[in-house]
């Protein structure tokens, strides 16, 4: 089960990243249209939903992983892998998901369509920065990241 969740979490990140990027580019392109269509709302919603799915899978991994149970022993902050997955990855992704969720909610409440698109573009872009900084990329060898 653990390996299945790892592969799902790792594979779905690409879908989540593509949806976030698509939502950002759609919002940037649609600012001048003067319309906030159902299509725009659905793109933003699906990006947010996939981030929440990633959160649930990640939390499942966090609680069933044997390494996380021992990682909070004395000196866990000195180990790059434990610090990354026990603190940096978790906090960075939670912040990103909160920014997307609150940004989308605030955008839906705005009256002007240009303001809605701008709010989505800005909040999703800030969240994307947090996400990209929190992913265990393969060039971060100390974290054991891979392309899987």
N, C-alpha and C. Protein backbone atom coordinates (compact mmCIF):
# COMPACT_ATOMS: atom_id res chain seq x y z
N UNK A 1 0.82 -1.19 0.00
CA UNK A 1 0.00 0.00 0.00
C UNK A 1 0.86 1.26 0.00
N UNK A 2 1.94 1.20 0.78
CA UNK A 2 2.82 2.36 0.87
C UNK A 2 3.41 2.71 -0.50
N UNK A 3 3.91 1.70 -1.23
CA UNK A 3 4.50 1.95 -2.55
C UNK A 3 3.46 2.50 -3.53
N UNK A 4 2.25 2.01 -3.46
CA UNK A 4 1.18 2.51 -4.32
C UNK A 4 0.88 3.98 -4.05
N UNK A 5 0.84 4.34 -2.77
CA UNK A 5 0.60 5.75 -2.42
C UNK A 5 1.76 6.65 -2.84
N UNK A 6 2.97 6.15 -2.69
CA UNK A 6 4.15 6.93 -3.10
C UNK A 6 4.08 7.22 -4.60
N UNK A 7 3.78 6.19 -5.40
CA UNK A 7 3.70 6.38 -6.85
C UNK A 7 2.53 7.28 -7.23
N UNK A 8 1.41 7.14 -6.55
CA UNK A 8 0.26 8.01 -6.83
C UNK A 8 0.59 9.45 -6.50
N UNK A 9 1.20 9.67 -5.34
CA UNK A 9 1.55 11.02 -4.91
C UNK A 9 2.57 11.65 -5.87
N UNK A 10 3.53 10.86 -6.28
CA UNK A 10 4.57 11.34 -7.18
C UNK A 10 4.02 11.58 -8.58
N UNK A 11 3.17 10.71 -9.06
CA UNK A 11 2.62 10.86 -10.41
C UNK A 11 1.59 11.96 -10.51
N UNK A 12 0.73 12.06 -9.51
CA UNK A 12 -0.31 13.09 -9.54
C UNK A 12 0.25 14.51 -9.40
N UNK A 13 1.50 14.62 -8.93
CA UNK A 13 2.07 15.97 -8.82
C UNK A 13 2.16 16.62 -10.19
N UNK A 14 2.41 15.81 -11.24
CA UNK A 14 2.51 16.37 -12.58
C UNK A 14 1.17 16.90 -13.05
N UNK A 15 0.11 16.18 -12.75
CA UNK A 15 -1.23 16.65 -13.12
C UNK A 15 -1.55 17.93 -12.35
N UNK A 16 -1.22 17.95 -11.06
CA UNK A 16 -1.48 19.15 -10.25
C UNK A 16 -0.68 20.34 -10.78
N UNK A 17 0.59 20.13 -11.12
CA UNK A 17 1.40 21.23 -11.66
C UNK A 17 0.85 21.72 -12.99
N UNK A 18 0.45 20.81 -13.86
CA UNK A 18 -0.11 21.21 -15.15
C UNK A 18 -1.40 22.00 -14.96
N UNK A 19 -2.26 21.55 -14.05
CA UNK A 19 -3.51 22.26 -13.79
C UNK A 19 -3.27 23.64 -13.20
N UNK A 20 -2.30 23.76 -12.29
CA UNK A 20 -1.98 25.07 -11.71
C UNK A 20 -1.47 26.01 -12.81
N UNK A 21 -0.54 25.51 -13.62
CA UNK A 21 -0.02 26.33 -14.72
C UNK A 21 -1.13 26.72 -15.70
N UNK A 22 -1.99 25.77 -16.02
CA UNK A 22 -3.10 26.05 -16.92
C UNK A 22 -4.02 27.12 -16.34
N UNK A 23 -4.30 27.03 -15.05
CA UNK A 23 -5.16 28.03 -14.40
C UNK A 23 -4.51 29.41 -14.42
N UNK A 24 -3.20 29.46 -14.20
CA UNK A 24 -2.49 30.75 -14.22
C UNK A 24 -2.53 31.36 -15.61
N UNK A 25 -2.19 30.56 -16.63
CA UNK A 25 -2.19 31.08 -18.00
C UNK A 25 -3.59 31.44 -18.47
N UNK A 26 -4.58 30.66 -18.07
CA UNK A 26 -5.96 30.97 -18.43
C UNK A 26 -6.40 32.28 -17.79
N UNK A 27 -6.04 32.50 -16.54
CA UNK A 27 -6.41 33.74 -15.86
C UNK A 27 -5.71 34.94 -16.50
N UNK A 28 -4.44 34.77 -16.86
CA UNK A 28 -3.70 35.87 -17.50
C UNK A 28 -4.30 36.20 -18.86
N UNK A 29 -4.66 35.17 -19.61
CA UNK A 29 -5.23 35.37 -20.95
C UNK A 29 -6.65 35.94 -20.87
N UNK A 30 -7.41 35.55 -19.88
CA UNK A 30 -8.82 35.92 -19.79
C UNK A 30 -9.06 37.27 -19.13
N UNK A 31 -8.04 37.91 -18.61
CA UNK A 31 -8.24 39.20 -17.94
C UNK A 31 -8.85 40.24 -18.86
N UNK A 32 -8.46 40.23 -20.11
CA UNK A 32 -8.93 41.26 -21.04
C UNK A 32 -10.26 40.89 -21.69
N UNK A 33 -10.73 39.65 -21.50
CA UNK A 33 -11.97 39.23 -22.15
C UNK A 33 -13.20 39.88 -21.54
N UNK A 34 -13.12 40.25 -20.27
CA UNK A 34 -14.28 40.85 -19.61
C UNK A 34 -15.30 39.82 -19.16
N UNK A 35 -14.95 38.54 -19.25
CA UNK A 35 -15.89 37.49 -18.87
C UNK A 35 -15.21 36.51 -17.92
N UNK A 36 -16.00 36.01 -16.99
CA UNK A 36 -15.57 34.93 -16.10
C UNK A 36 -16.54 33.80 -16.35
N UNK A 37 -16.15 32.89 -17.23
CA UNK A 37 -17.03 31.83 -17.69
C UNK A 37 -16.99 30.62 -16.76
N UNK A 38 -17.93 29.72 -16.98
CA UNK A 38 -17.95 28.48 -16.21
C UNK A 38 -16.66 27.69 -16.43
N UNK A 39 -16.12 27.77 -17.63
CA UNK A 39 -14.86 27.11 -17.96
C UNK A 39 -13.75 27.59 -17.04
N UNK A 40 -13.68 28.89 -16.81
CA UNK A 40 -12.66 29.47 -15.93
C UNK A 40 -12.83 28.95 -14.51
N UNK A 41 -14.07 28.94 -14.07
CA UNK A 41 -14.36 28.46 -12.72
C UNK A 41 -13.97 26.99 -12.55
N UNK A 42 -14.24 26.17 -13.55
CA UNK A 42 -13.93 24.74 -13.48
C UNK A 42 -12.42 24.49 -13.52
N UNK A 43 -11.69 25.24 -14.32
CA UNK A 43 -10.23 25.10 -14.37
C UNK A 43 -9.64 25.38 -12.99
N UNK A 44 -10.07 26.47 -12.38
CA UNK A 44 -9.57 26.85 -11.05
C UNK A 44 -9.98 25.82 -10.00
N UNK A 45 -11.19 25.33 -10.12
CA UNK A 45 -11.70 24.34 -9.17
C UNK A 45 -10.92 23.02 -9.27
N UNK A 46 -10.69 22.53 -10.48
CA UNK A 46 -9.97 21.27 -10.64
C UNK A 46 -8.53 21.38 -10.18
N UNK A 47 -7.89 22.53 -10.39
CA UNK A 47 -6.53 22.72 -9.88
C UNK A 47 -6.54 22.62 -8.36
N UNK A 48 -7.51 23.26 -7.73
CA UNK A 48 -7.60 23.22 -6.28
C UNK A 48 -7.91 21.81 -5.78
N UNK A 49 -8.81 21.12 -6.46
CA UNK A 49 -9.18 19.76 -6.06
C UNK A 49 -7.99 18.82 -6.12
N UNK A 50 -7.19 18.92 -7.20
CA UNK A 50 -6.03 18.04 -7.30
C UNK A 50 -5.00 18.34 -6.22
N UNK A 51 -4.87 19.59 -5.82
CA UNK A 51 -3.97 19.90 -4.71
C UNK A 51 -4.49 19.29 -3.41
N UNK A 52 -5.78 19.31 -3.21
CA UNK A 52 -6.35 18.71 -2.00
C UNK A 52 -6.21 17.19 -2.02
N UNK A 53 -6.34 16.58 -3.19
CA UNK A 53 -6.11 15.13 -3.31
C UNK A 53 -4.66 14.82 -2.95
N UNK A 54 -3.74 15.63 -3.46
CA UNK A 54 -2.33 15.46 -3.13
C UNK A 54 -2.11 15.58 -1.62
N UNK A 55 -2.78 16.53 -1.00
CA UNK A 55 -2.67 16.70 0.45
C UNK A 55 -3.13 15.45 1.19
N UNK A 56 -4.26 14.90 0.79
CA UNK A 56 -4.78 13.71 1.47
C UNK A 56 -3.85 12.51 1.29
N UNK A 57 -3.35 12.31 0.07
CA UNK A 57 -2.41 11.21 -0.16
C UNK A 57 -1.13 11.44 0.64
N UNK A 58 -0.64 12.67 0.65
CA UNK A 58 0.57 13.01 1.40
C UNK A 58 0.41 12.78 2.89
N UNK A 59 -0.73 13.16 3.43
CA UNK A 59 -0.97 12.92 4.86
C UNK A 59 -1.07 11.43 5.16
N UNK A 60 -1.67 10.69 4.23
CA UNK A 60 -1.70 9.24 4.39
C UNK A 60 -0.30 8.65 4.43
N UNK A 61 0.55 9.11 3.52
CA UNK A 61 1.94 8.66 3.50
C UNK A 61 2.67 9.03 4.78
N UNK A 62 2.41 10.23 5.25
CA UNK A 62 3.08 10.73 6.45
C UNK A 62 2.77 9.86 7.65
N UNK A 63 1.53 9.43 7.78
CA UNK A 63 1.14 8.68 8.97
C UNK A 63 1.40 7.19 8.87
N UNK A 64 1.58 6.63 7.66
CA UNK A 64 1.87 5.20 7.59
C UNK A 64 3.35 4.93 7.35
N UNK A 65 4.13 5.96 7.16
CA UNK A 65 5.56 5.80 6.91
C UNK A 65 6.29 5.49 8.21
N UNK A 66 7.03 4.42 8.22
CA UNK A 66 7.80 4.04 9.42
C UNK A 66 8.91 5.06 9.72
N UNK A 67 9.48 5.65 8.68
CA UNK A 67 10.57 6.62 8.89
C UNK A 67 10.09 7.86 9.61
N UNK A 68 8.86 8.29 9.36
CA UNK A 68 8.37 9.51 10.01
C UNK A 68 8.16 9.32 11.50
N UNK A 69 7.96 8.07 11.92
CA UNK A 69 7.75 7.82 13.35
C UNK A 69 9.05 7.97 14.14
N UNK A 70 10.18 7.73 13.49
CA UNK A 70 11.45 7.85 14.20
C UNK A 70 12.17 9.15 13.85
N UNK A 71 11.65 9.89 12.89
CA UNK A 71 12.38 11.06 12.41
C UNK A 71 12.37 12.22 13.40
N UNK A 72 11.47 12.22 14.36
CA UNK A 72 11.42 13.32 15.30
C UNK A 72 12.22 13.06 16.57
N UNK A 73 13.15 12.15 16.48
CA UNK A 73 14.05 11.90 17.61
C UNK A 73 15.04 13.07 17.70
N UNK A 74 15.84 13.06 18.73
CA UNK A 74 16.84 14.12 18.89
C UNK A 74 17.73 14.22 17.65
N UNK A 75 17.93 15.43 17.18
CA UNK A 75 18.82 15.67 16.05
C UNK A 75 18.20 15.48 14.69
N UNK A 76 16.88 15.37 14.61
CA UNK A 76 16.24 15.14 13.31
C UNK A 76 16.41 16.33 12.38
N UNK A 77 16.59 17.54 12.93
CA UNK A 77 16.77 18.72 12.08
C UNK A 77 18.14 18.73 11.41
N UNK A 78 19.09 17.96 11.91
CA UNK A 78 20.43 17.91 11.32
C UNK A 78 20.47 17.03 10.08
N UNK A 79 19.52 16.13 9.95
CA UNK A 79 19.45 15.24 8.79
C UNK A 79 18.61 15.93 7.71
N UNK A 80 19.21 16.17 6.54
CA UNK A 80 18.55 16.93 5.47
C UNK A 80 17.25 16.27 5.03
N UNK A 81 17.24 14.95 4.91
CA UNK A 81 16.04 14.26 4.45
C UNK A 81 14.91 14.36 5.47
N UNK A 82 15.21 14.10 6.74
CA UNK A 82 14.17 14.19 7.77
C UNK A 82 13.64 15.62 7.90
N UNK A 83 14.54 16.59 7.84
CA UNK A 83 14.12 17.99 7.95
C UNK A 83 13.24 18.38 6.77
N UNK A 84 13.63 17.95 5.57
CA UNK A 84 12.85 18.31 4.39
C UNK A 84 11.45 17.73 4.45
N UNK A 85 11.34 16.41 4.64
CA UNK A 85 10.02 15.77 4.62
C UNK A 85 9.23 16.02 5.90
N UNK A 86 9.91 16.20 7.02
CA UNK A 86 9.21 16.41 8.28
C UNK A 86 8.81 17.85 8.52
N UNK A 87 9.42 18.79 7.79
CA UNK A 87 9.12 20.19 8.04
C UNK A 87 8.92 20.97 6.74
N UNK A 88 9.96 21.06 5.93
CA UNK A 88 9.94 21.95 4.76
C UNK A 88 8.87 21.55 3.74
N UNK A 89 8.82 20.28 3.37
CA UNK A 89 7.84 19.81 2.39
C UNK A 89 6.42 19.97 2.92
N UNK A 90 6.22 19.54 4.13
CA UNK A 90 4.90 19.58 4.75
C UNK A 90 4.39 21.02 4.88
N UNK A 91 5.19 21.88 5.45
CA UNK A 91 4.76 23.27 5.67
C UNK A 91 4.62 24.02 4.35
N UNK A 92 5.58 23.84 3.44
CA UNK A 92 5.51 24.53 2.15
C UNK A 92 4.27 24.16 1.36
N UNK A 93 3.95 22.88 1.33
CA UNK A 93 2.76 22.44 0.59
C UNK A 93 1.47 22.88 1.28
N UNK A 94 1.44 22.84 2.60
CA UNK A 94 0.25 23.33 3.30
C UNK A 94 0.01 24.82 3.03
N UNK A 95 1.07 25.59 3.03
CA UNK A 95 0.94 27.03 2.72
C UNK A 95 0.42 27.22 1.30
N UNK A 96 0.98 26.47 0.35
CA UNK A 96 0.55 26.59 -1.04
C UNK A 96 -0.93 26.24 -1.21
N UNK A 97 -1.36 25.16 -0.56
CA UNK A 97 -2.75 24.75 -0.68
C UNK A 97 -3.68 25.77 -0.03
N UNK A 98 -3.26 26.34 1.08
CA UNK A 98 -4.08 27.38 1.72
C UNK A 98 -4.17 28.62 0.83
N UNK A 99 -3.08 29.01 0.19
CA UNK A 99 -3.10 30.18 -0.69
C UNK A 99 -4.04 29.94 -1.87
N UNK A 100 -3.98 28.76 -2.47
CA UNK A 100 -4.88 28.44 -3.59
C UNK A 100 -6.33 28.44 -3.13
N UNK A 101 -6.60 27.79 -2.01
CA UNK A 101 -7.98 27.69 -1.52
C UNK A 101 -8.55 29.06 -1.18
N UNK A 102 -7.82 29.84 -0.41
CA UNK A 102 -8.32 31.17 -0.04
C UNK A 102 -8.37 32.11 -1.23
N UNK A 103 -7.39 32.02 -2.13
CA UNK A 103 -7.38 32.87 -3.32
C UNK A 103 -8.57 32.59 -4.21
N UNK A 104 -8.88 31.31 -4.40
CA UNK A 104 -10.02 30.96 -5.23
C UNK A 104 -11.33 31.41 -4.58
N UNK A 105 -11.44 31.23 -3.28
CA UNK A 105 -12.65 31.64 -2.57
C UNK A 105 -12.85 33.16 -2.66
N UNK A 106 -11.77 33.91 -2.48
CA UNK A 106 -11.87 35.37 -2.57
C UNK A 106 -12.19 35.80 -4.00
N UNK A 107 -11.62 35.13 -4.98
CA UNK A 107 -11.89 35.47 -6.38
C UNK A 107 -13.36 35.27 -6.72
N UNK A 108 -13.95 34.20 -6.21
CA UNK A 108 -15.37 33.93 -6.49
C UNK A 108 -16.27 35.01 -5.90
N UNK A 109 -15.84 35.66 -4.82
CA UNK A 109 -16.66 36.69 -4.19
C UNK A 109 -16.52 38.06 -4.85
N UNK A 110 -15.47 38.25 -5.65
CA UNK A 110 -15.26 39.54 -6.30
C UNK A 110 -16.31 39.77 -7.39
N UNK A 111 -16.59 41.05 -7.65
CA UNK A 111 -17.62 41.39 -8.63
C UNK A 111 -17.03 41.50 -10.03
N UNK A 112 -15.96 42.22 -10.18
CA UNK A 112 -15.37 42.43 -11.50
C UNK A 112 -14.66 41.19 -12.03
N UNK A 113 -14.89 40.87 -13.31
CA UNK A 113 -14.27 39.68 -13.88
C UNK A 113 -12.76 39.83 -13.98
N UNK A 114 -12.30 41.01 -14.28
CA UNK A 114 -10.85 41.24 -14.36
C UNK A 114 -10.21 41.02 -12.98
N UNK A 115 -10.88 41.48 -11.93
CA UNK A 115 -10.38 41.28 -10.58
C UNK A 115 -10.35 39.80 -10.21
N UNK A 116 -11.36 39.04 -10.64
CA UNK A 116 -11.39 37.61 -10.37
C UNK A 116 -10.19 36.92 -11.01
N UNK A 117 -9.96 37.22 -12.28
CA UNK A 117 -8.84 36.59 -12.99
C UNK A 117 -7.50 37.01 -12.38
N UNK A 118 -7.39 38.26 -12.00
CA UNK A 118 -6.14 38.74 -11.40
C UNK A 118 -5.88 38.06 -10.05
N UNK A 119 -6.93 37.90 -9.24
CA UNK A 119 -6.78 37.25 -7.94
C UNK A 119 -6.34 35.80 -8.11
N UNK A 120 -6.94 35.10 -9.07
CA UNK A 120 -6.54 33.71 -9.35
C UNK A 120 -5.09 33.68 -9.83
N UNK A 121 -4.75 34.54 -10.75
CA UNK A 121 -3.40 34.55 -11.31
C UNK A 121 -2.35 34.79 -10.23
N UNK A 122 -2.58 35.76 -9.39
CA UNK A 122 -1.61 36.10 -8.35
C UNK A 122 -1.53 35.01 -7.28
N UNK A 123 -2.67 34.57 -6.77
CA UNK A 123 -2.64 33.58 -5.68
C UNK A 123 -2.11 32.24 -6.17
N UNK A 124 -2.50 31.80 -7.35
CA UNK A 124 -1.99 30.53 -7.88
C UNK A 124 -0.51 30.62 -8.22
N UNK A 125 -0.05 31.78 -8.66
CA UNK A 125 1.38 31.95 -8.95
C UNK A 125 2.22 31.89 -7.68
N UNK A 126 1.76 32.54 -6.63
CA UNK A 126 2.48 32.49 -5.35
C UNK A 126 2.50 31.05 -4.83
N UNK A 127 1.36 30.37 -4.93
CA UNK A 127 1.30 28.98 -4.50
C UNK A 127 2.24 28.10 -5.33
N UNK A 128 2.34 28.38 -6.62
CA UNK A 128 3.23 27.60 -7.48
C UNK A 128 4.68 27.74 -7.04
N UNK A 129 5.07 28.91 -6.61
CA UNK A 129 6.44 29.12 -6.11
C UNK A 129 6.68 28.25 -4.87
N UNK A 130 5.73 28.23 -3.96
CA UNK A 130 5.86 27.38 -2.77
C UNK A 130 5.92 25.91 -3.16
N UNK A 131 5.09 25.51 -4.11
CA UNK A 131 5.06 24.11 -4.54
C UNK A 131 6.39 23.71 -5.16
N UNK A 132 6.89 24.52 -6.08
CA UNK A 132 8.15 24.19 -6.75
C UNK A 132 9.32 24.13 -5.76
N UNK A 133 9.28 24.98 -4.73
CA UNK A 133 10.34 24.97 -3.71
C UNK A 133 10.22 23.77 -2.78
N UNK A 134 9.04 23.18 -2.70
CA UNK A 134 8.79 22.10 -1.74
C UNK A 134 8.81 20.70 -2.35
N UNK A 135 8.99 20.59 -3.64
CA UNK A 135 9.03 19.28 -4.29
C UNK A 135 10.44 18.69 -4.14
N UNK A 136 10.54 17.40 -3.82
CA UNK A 136 11.86 16.76 -3.73
C UNK A 136 12.41 16.43 -5.13
N UNK A 137 12.92 17.42 -5.81
CA UNK A 137 13.41 17.25 -7.18
C UNK A 137 14.62 16.32 -7.22
N UNK A 138 14.85 15.66 -8.35
CA UNK A 138 15.97 14.71 -8.47
C UNK A 138 17.35 15.35 -8.24
N UNK A 139 17.50 16.64 -8.53
CA UNK A 139 18.80 17.28 -8.32
C UNK A 139 19.08 17.56 -6.85
N UNK A 140 18.14 17.25 -5.99
CA UNK A 140 18.35 17.36 -4.54
C UNK A 140 18.63 15.97 -4.00
N UNK A 141 19.82 15.45 -4.31
CA UNK A 141 20.17 14.06 -4.01
C UNK A 141 20.03 13.70 -2.55
N UNK A 142 20.28 14.62 -1.66
CA UNK A 142 20.23 14.33 -0.23
C UNK A 142 18.82 13.95 0.22
N UNK A 143 17.81 14.26 -0.60
CA UNK A 143 16.43 13.99 -0.23
C UNK A 143 15.93 12.68 -0.79
N UNK A 144 16.71 12.07 -1.65
CA UNK A 144 16.28 10.81 -2.25
C UNK A 144 15.20 10.98 -3.29
N UNK A 145 15.13 12.17 -3.91
CA UNK A 145 14.11 12.44 -4.91
C UNK A 145 14.37 11.68 -6.19
N UNK A 146 13.36 11.48 -6.97
CA UNK A 146 13.49 10.78 -8.23
C UNK A 146 12.43 11.26 -9.20
N UNK A 147 12.46 10.76 -10.42
CA UNK A 147 11.49 11.17 -11.43
C UNK A 147 10.23 10.33 -11.40
N UNK A 148 10.14 9.41 -10.47
CA UNK A 148 8.96 8.54 -10.41
C UNK A 148 7.72 9.31 -10.08
